[in-house]
């Protein structure tokens, strides 16, 4: 005999027992009787923050000063590494050492680590100058290299004056790069020198509408003479007088300008119209570099040309 299927439970009727949920209308009435959420009171427990002790205040000031001087200490350390040639066991030159060494302070702002090294060294010199000559009562000194980079365009004697003006413009706080740059620009305009380029400075050639510079666009040139509204510049194939509107500084550091001067001298000794076309093209390509150093391959190629050039001179002699 088959078992009967279980009976389905009966649906609840309107006459539900007292334990059932109240009707929707009753629930709405309960909600309407509650307090307005917007007028609810939130209780916040106050937490007392203890003041710093005198020792803690001294420690904080000491640590803040160490952080502020971090770039200065880095620049001083790099100068000692360079001057004592402590890189010589692993690298031939300081430039190579800086470029290859995986520094922890590596920054995307700089194109190469070697450039950052020179910027930090220059900043350390400027920082030391400011620390010695600025009003010690203010105790407002740079906290990073970027803030004082514009000061490199001024003579050391004027740098403290420019920094103090920048601090004043920043309402007694550490001035930003833009504020320092504006102050430096005003000081340079005050000198009323129309041509701010300096002998030995490396510039980029801007052709614009000058047909005499055709084929020289983007090439580097080294300033050999400063005129009122033009510069005489030395390029890979000779000297030219160029208007200021056709020049743009690469803003190379002094050491980088010296390296470019050395490269210019090497190319000038080799270049002549009688050279083979391939050799001339190679020298011209070196004259269009937008960096102040040669790669290992470029250095080898130039060295080979120099050895061949010297050999030919010996044979001719």
Protein backbone atom coordinates (compact mmCIF):
# COMPACT_ATOMS: atom_id res chain seq x y z
CA UNK A 1 0.00 0.00 0.00
CA UNK A 2 1.58 3.33 -1.11
CA UNK A 3 2.31 6.06 1.40
CA UNK A 4 0.25 9.21 1.05
CA UNK A 5 2.15 12.33 0.07
CA UNK A 6 2.62 14.89 2.87
CA UNK A 7 0.02 17.59 3.05
CA UNK A 8 0.97 21.11 2.06
CA UNK A 9 0.86 23.61 4.91
CA UNK A 10 -2.10 25.90 4.93
CA UNK A 11 -1.57 29.52 3.91
CA UNK A 12 -1.77 32.09 6.64
CA UNK A 13 -5.09 33.87 6.84
CA UNK A 14 -5.81 37.43 7.78
CA UNK A 15 -6.70 36.29 11.25
CA UNK A 16 -3.09 35.42 12.14
CA UNK A 17 -2.02 34.64 15.63
CA UNK A 18 -0.52 37.25 17.92
CA UNK A 19 2.98 35.92 17.19
CA UNK A 20 2.83 36.75 13.44
CA UNK A 21 4.44 39.85 11.86
CA UNK A 22 2.29 42.95 11.92
CA UNK A 23 0.73 44.17 8.67
CA UNK A 24 2.68 46.53 6.45
CA UNK A 25 0.58 49.45 7.53
CA UNK A 26 1.51 48.82 11.14
CA UNK A 27 5.24 48.68 10.25
CA UNK A 28 5.00 52.01 8.45
CA UNK A 29 3.32 53.56 11.42
CA UNK A 30 6.15 52.31 13.66
CA UNK A 31 8.78 53.84 11.34
CA UNK A 32 6.98 57.15 11.25
CA UNK A 33 7.03 57.27 15.01
CA UNK A 34 10.83 56.89 15.18
CA UNK A 35 13.11 59.92 15.68
CA UNK A 36 14.33 61.85 12.62
CA UNK A 37 17.85 60.39 11.67
CA UNK A 38 19.08 63.87 10.80
CA UNK A 39 18.50 65.01 14.35
CA UNK A 40 20.29 62.03 15.90
CA UNK A 41 23.06 62.81 18.40
CA UNK A 42 26.51 61.21 17.85
CA UNK A 43 28.69 60.85 20.89
CA UNK A 44 32.46 61.29 20.26
CA UNK A 45 34.94 60.31 22.92
CA UNK A 46 37.79 62.84 23.19
CA UNK A 47 41.32 61.38 23.16
CA UNK A 48 43.95 63.41 24.92
CA UNK A 49 47.19 63.78 22.88
CA UNK A 50 50.16 64.19 25.19
CA UNK A 51 52.46 67.12 24.49
CA UNK A 52 56.06 66.46 23.41
CA UNK A 53 58.60 66.55 26.17
CA UNK A 54 61.59 68.85 25.85
CA UNK A 55 63.77 65.87 24.93
CA UNK A 56 61.30 64.75 22.25
CA UNK A 57 61.18 68.28 20.84
CA UNK A 58 64.98 68.32 20.61
CA UNK A 59 64.99 64.90 18.95
CA UNK A 60 62.35 66.00 16.45
CA UNK A 61 64.31 69.13 15.52
CA UNK A 62 67.51 67.10 15.16
CA UNK A 63 65.85 64.50 12.91
CA UNK A 64 64.14 67.16 10.79
CA UNK A 65 67.47 68.88 10.28
CA UNK A 66 69.02 65.56 9.19
CA UNK A 67 66.23 65.05 6.65
CA UNK A 68 66.62 68.59 5.35
CA UNK A 69 70.39 68.12 4.93
CA UNK A 70 70.05 64.72 3.24
CA UNK A 71 70.74 66.06 -0.26
CA UNK A 72 73.62 68.15 1.12
CA UNK A 73 75.22 65.10 2.75
CA UNK A 74 74.76 63.10 -0.48
CA UNK A 75 76.47 65.82 -2.51
CA UNK A 76 79.39 66.05 -0.07
CA UNK A 77 79.82 62.26 -0.11
CA UNK A 78 79.83 62.20 -3.92
CA UNK A 79 82.49 64.91 -4.02
CA UNK A 80 84.70 62.85 -1.73
CA UNK A 81 84.14 59.74 -3.86
CA UNK A 82 85.17 61.73 -6.93
CA UNK A 83 88.11 63.62 -5.42
CA UNK A 84 89.63 60.53 -3.78
CA UNK A 85 88.86 58.38 -6.85
CA UNK A 86 87.27 55.70 -4.67
CA UNK A 87 85.53 54.33 -7.74
CA UNK A 88 88.75 53.30 -9.48
CA UNK A 89 88.64 49.61 -8.48
CA UNK A 90 85.45 49.00 -10.45
CA UNK A 91 85.08 51.85 -12.98
CA UNK A 92 87.42 53.83 -15.21
CA UNK A 93 85.78 57.22 -14.70
CA UNK A 94 83.57 58.90 -12.12
CA UNK A 95 80.97 59.55 -14.82
CA UNK A 96 80.74 55.84 -15.63
CA UNK A 97 80.56 55.01 -11.92
CA UNK A 98 77.61 57.39 -11.41
CA UNK A 99 75.83 56.15 -14.50
CA UNK A 100 76.12 52.45 -13.65
CA UNK A 101 75.79 52.53 -9.85
CA UNK A 102 72.16 51.65 -8.82
CA UNK A 103 71.69 54.54 -6.40
CA UNK A 104 68.81 54.26 -3.97
CA UNK A 105 67.96 57.94 -4.48
CA UNK A 106 67.42 57.40 -8.19
CA UNK A 107 64.77 59.79 -9.50
CA UNK A 108 62.79 59.97 -12.72
CA UNK A 109 63.33 63.73 -12.79
CA UNK A 110 66.88 63.24 -14.01
CA UNK A 111 67.76 61.75 -17.36
CA UNK A 112 70.78 59.81 -16.00
CA UNK A 113 72.20 59.09 -12.56
CA UNK A 114 75.48 60.75 -13.49
CA UNK A 115 73.65 64.04 -14.04
CA UNK A 116 71.91 63.71 -10.69
CA UNK A 117 75.30 63.18 -9.06
CA UNK A 118 76.64 66.46 -10.45
CA UNK A 119 73.44 68.30 -9.53
CA UNK A 120 73.72 67.06 -5.94
CA UNK A 121 77.39 68.08 -5.78
CA UNK A 122 76.63 71.57 -7.08
CA UNK A 123 73.69 71.85 -4.67
CA UNK A 124 75.94 70.88 -1.76
CA UNK A 125 78.30 73.75 -2.62
CA UNK A 126 75.39 76.21 -2.83
CA UNK A 127 73.88 74.89 0.43
CA UNK A 128 77.21 75.31 2.21
CA UNK A 129 77.44 78.88 0.87
CA UNK A 130 73.92 79.70 2.12
CA UNK A 131 74.54 78.09 5.51
CA UNK A 132 77.64 80.21 6.06
CA UNK A 133 76.39 83.56 4.77
CA UNK A 134 72.63 83.69 5.35
CA UNK A 135 71.13 85.17 8.53
CA UNK A 136 71.42 82.40 11.11
CA UNK A 137 68.48 83.80 13.09
CA UNK A 138 66.06 82.68 10.38
CA UNK A 139 67.27 79.07 10.12
CA UNK A 140 65.46 78.75 6.80
CA UNK A 141 67.59 76.57 4.56
CA UNK A 142 66.79 74.47 1.46
CA UNK A 143 65.32 71.01 1.95
CA UNK A 144 66.05 69.59 -1.50
CA UNK A 145 68.23 70.16 -4.55
CA UNK A 146 65.34 71.25 -6.81
CA UNK A 147 64.65 74.34 -4.67
CA UNK A 148 68.10 75.86 -5.13
CA UNK A 149 68.95 74.73 -8.63
CA UNK A 150 68.13 78.21 -10.11
CA UNK A 151 70.77 79.74 -7.81
CA UNK A 152 73.49 78.05 -9.86
CA UNK A 153 73.06 80.82 -12.47
CA UNK A 154 74.21 83.47 -9.97
CA UNK A 155 77.63 84.24 -8.58
CA UNK A 156 78.22 82.77 -5.11
CA UNK A 157 78.28 86.26 -3.57
CA UNK A 158 74.73 86.95 -4.80
CA UNK A 159 73.23 83.55 -3.97
CA UNK A 160 72.56 84.32 -0.26
CA UNK A 161 70.80 87.56 -1.16
CA UNK A 162 68.62 85.75 -3.70
CA UNK A 163 67.74 83.00 -1.21
CA UNK A 164 66.76 85.48 1.50
CA UNK A 165 64.52 87.31 -0.97
CA UNK A 166 62.90 84.00 -1.91
CA UNK A 167 62.30 83.14 1.77
CA UNK A 168 60.70 86.55 2.25
CA UNK A 169 58.46 85.98 -0.80
CA UNK A 170 57.42 82.63 0.70
CA UNK A 171 56.32 84.40 3.93
CA UNK A 172 59.18 83.05 5.98
CA UNK A 173 58.85 79.48 4.81
CA UNK A 174 61.08 77.34 2.60
CA UNK A 175 60.51 78.74 -0.92
CA UNK A 176 59.54 76.57 -3.85
CA UNK A 177 61.59 76.14 -7.02
CA UNK A 178 59.29 78.57 -8.85
CA UNK A 179 59.73 81.32 -6.24
CA UNK A 180 63.52 80.97 -6.28
CA UNK A 181 63.54 80.95 -10.08
CA UNK A 182 61.47 84.16 -10.19
CA UNK A 183 63.82 85.89 -7.77
CA UNK A 184 66.88 84.80 -9.78
CA UNK A 185 65.26 86.09 -12.98
CA UNK A 186 64.58 89.50 -11.39
CA UNK A 187 68.18 89.75 -10.19
CA UNK A 188 69.50 88.87 -13.65
CA UNK A 189 67.23 91.49 -15.24
CA UNK A 190 68.42 94.03 -12.69
CA UNK A 191 71.98 93.66 -13.97
CA UNK A 192 70.73 94.88 -17.40
CA UNK A 193 72.94 92.46 -19.28
CA UNK A 194 71.13 91.64 -22.56
CA UNK A 195 73.17 88.52 -23.20
CA UNK A 196 73.26 86.04 -20.31
CA UNK A 197 75.25 83.34 -22.13
CA UNK A 198 78.74 82.57 -20.91
CA UNK A 199 81.88 81.44 -22.70
CA UNK A 200 82.05 77.66 -22.60
CA UNK A 201 78.28 77.22 -22.25
CA UNK A 202 76.77 74.51 -24.43
CA UNK A 203 73.72 75.53 -26.45
CA UNK A 204 71.34 73.98 -28.93
CA UNK A 205 70.94 75.55 -32.36
CA UNK A 206 67.43 76.66 -33.31
CA UNK A 207 67.21 77.17 -37.06
CA UNK A 208 63.82 78.94 -37.21
CA UNK A 209 63.95 81.23 -40.28
CA UNK A 210 67.74 81.50 -40.60
CA UNK A 211 68.84 79.84 -43.88
CA UNK A 212 72.51 80.08 -42.86
CA UNK A 213 71.82 77.52 -40.12
CA UNK A 214 70.12 75.02 -42.39
CA UNK A 215 71.19 71.50 -41.47
CA UNK A 216 72.31 72.63 -38.01
CA UNK A 217 68.96 72.33 -36.25
CA UNK A 218 69.30 70.56 -32.91
CA UNK A 219 73.10 70.51 -33.06
CA UNK A 220 75.10 71.46 -30.00
CA UNK A 221 77.41 74.47 -30.08
CA UNK A 222 79.86 75.87 -27.54
CA UNK A 223 79.91 79.61 -26.90
CA UNK A 224 83.36 81.01 -27.71
CA UNK A 225 82.53 84.74 -27.61
CA UNK A 226 79.66 86.75 -26.10
CA UNK A 227 78.43 89.80 -28.00
CA UNK A 228 75.62 92.23 -27.14
CA UNK A 229 72.85 90.38 -28.95
CA UNK A 230 74.62 87.38 -30.42
CA UNK A 231 77.20 84.71 -29.64
CA UNK A 232 80.07 83.24 -31.56
CA UNK A 233 79.75 79.50 -31.23
CA UNK A 234 82.00 76.60 -32.14
CA UNK A 235 80.40 73.62 -33.85
CA UNK A 236 81.70 70.36 -35.28
CA UNK A 237 82.57 72.01 -38.62
CA UNK A 238 83.64 75.52 -37.65
CA UNK A 239 82.60 78.73 -35.92
CA UNK A 240 79.41 80.74 -36.50
CA UNK A 241 77.94 83.99 -35.20
CA UNK A 242 74.40 83.24 -34.07
CA UNK A 243 71.66 85.55 -32.79
CA UNK A 244 70.29 84.92 -29.31
CA UNK A 245 66.92 83.90 -30.76
CA UNK A 246 68.65 80.95 -32.44
CA UNK A 247 70.23 79.62 -29.23
CA UNK A 248 68.84 77.59 -26.36
CA UNK A 249 71.00 76.56 -23.43
CA UNK A 250 71.25 72.87 -22.58
CA UNK A 251 71.75 73.96 -18.95
CA UNK A 252 74.66 71.58 -18.63
CA UNK A 253 76.70 71.56 -15.47
CA UNK A 254 80.25 73.01 -15.57
CA UNK A 255 81.80 69.53 -15.66
CA UNK A 256 79.53 68.55 -18.54
CA UNK A 257 80.45 71.70 -20.46
CA UNK A 258 84.10 70.78 -20.08
CA UNK A 259 83.40 67.31 -21.42
CA UNK A 260 81.64 68.80 -24.45
CA UNK A 261 84.56 71.17 -24.98
CA UNK A 262 86.89 68.17 -25.03
CA UNK A 263 84.64 66.38 -27.52
CA UNK A 264 84.49 69.48 -29.69
CA UNK A 265 88.29 69.70 -29.77
CA UNK A 266 88.59 66.04 -30.75
CA UNK A 267 86.10 66.41 -33.60
CA UNK A 268 87.67 69.66 -34.83
CA UNK A 269 91.09 68.04 -35.11
CA UNK A 270 89.60 65.33 -37.33
CA UNK A 271 87.02 67.13 -39.45
CA UNK A 272 87.79 68.39 -42.95
CA UNK A 273 86.01 68.47 -46.30
CA UNK A 274 88.49 65.95 -47.69
CA UNK A 275 87.33 63.16 -45.38
CA UNK A 276 85.40 60.19 -46.71
CA UNK A 277 81.65 60.67 -46.65
CA UNK A 278 81.07 57.94 -44.07
CA UNK A 279 83.61 59.50 -41.71
CA UNK A 280 82.08 62.95 -42.14
CA UNK A 281 78.63 61.54 -41.44
CA UNK A 282 79.85 59.94 -38.22
CA UNK A 283 81.43 63.17 -37.00
CA UNK A 284 78.29 65.10 -37.91
CA UNK A 285 76.16 62.65 -35.91
CA UNK A 286 78.41 63.22 -32.88
CA UNK A 287 77.83 66.94 -33.40
CA UNK A 288 74.09 66.41 -32.93
CA UNK A 289 74.18 64.58 -29.62
CA UNK A 290 71.67 65.78 -27.04
CA UNK A 291 73.68 64.40 -24.11
CA UNK A 292 77.07 65.45 -22.73
CA UNK A 293 78.85 62.13 -23.05
CA UNK A 294 79.69 59.37 -25.51
CA UNK A 295 78.47 55.81 -25.26
CA UNK A 296 81.06 53.04 -25.17
CA UNK A 297 80.52 52.30 -28.88
CA UNK A 298 80.75 55.97 -29.87
CA UNK A 299 83.96 56.35 -27.87
CA UNK A 300 85.51 53.35 -29.63
CA UNK A 301 84.54 54.64 -33.08
CA UNK A 302 85.97 58.08 -32.39
CA UNK A 303 89.15 56.56 -30.95
CA UNK A 304 89.61 54.45 -34.10
CA UNK A 305 89.26 57.56 -36.28
CA UNK A 306 91.76 59.42 -34.11
CA UNK A 307 94.31 56.62 -34.37
CA UNK A 308 93.89 56.51 -38.16
CA UNK A 309 94.18 60.29 -38.37
CA UNK A 310 97.38 60.29 -36.31
CA UNK A 311 98.77 57.45 -38.46
CA UNK A 312 98.12 59.39 -41.65
CA UNK A 313 99.79 62.47 -40.20
CA UNK A 314 102.87 60.42 -39.31
CA UNK A 315 103.06 59.02 -42.83
CA UNK A 316 102.68 62.48 -44.35
CA UNK A 317 105.40 63.85 -42.09
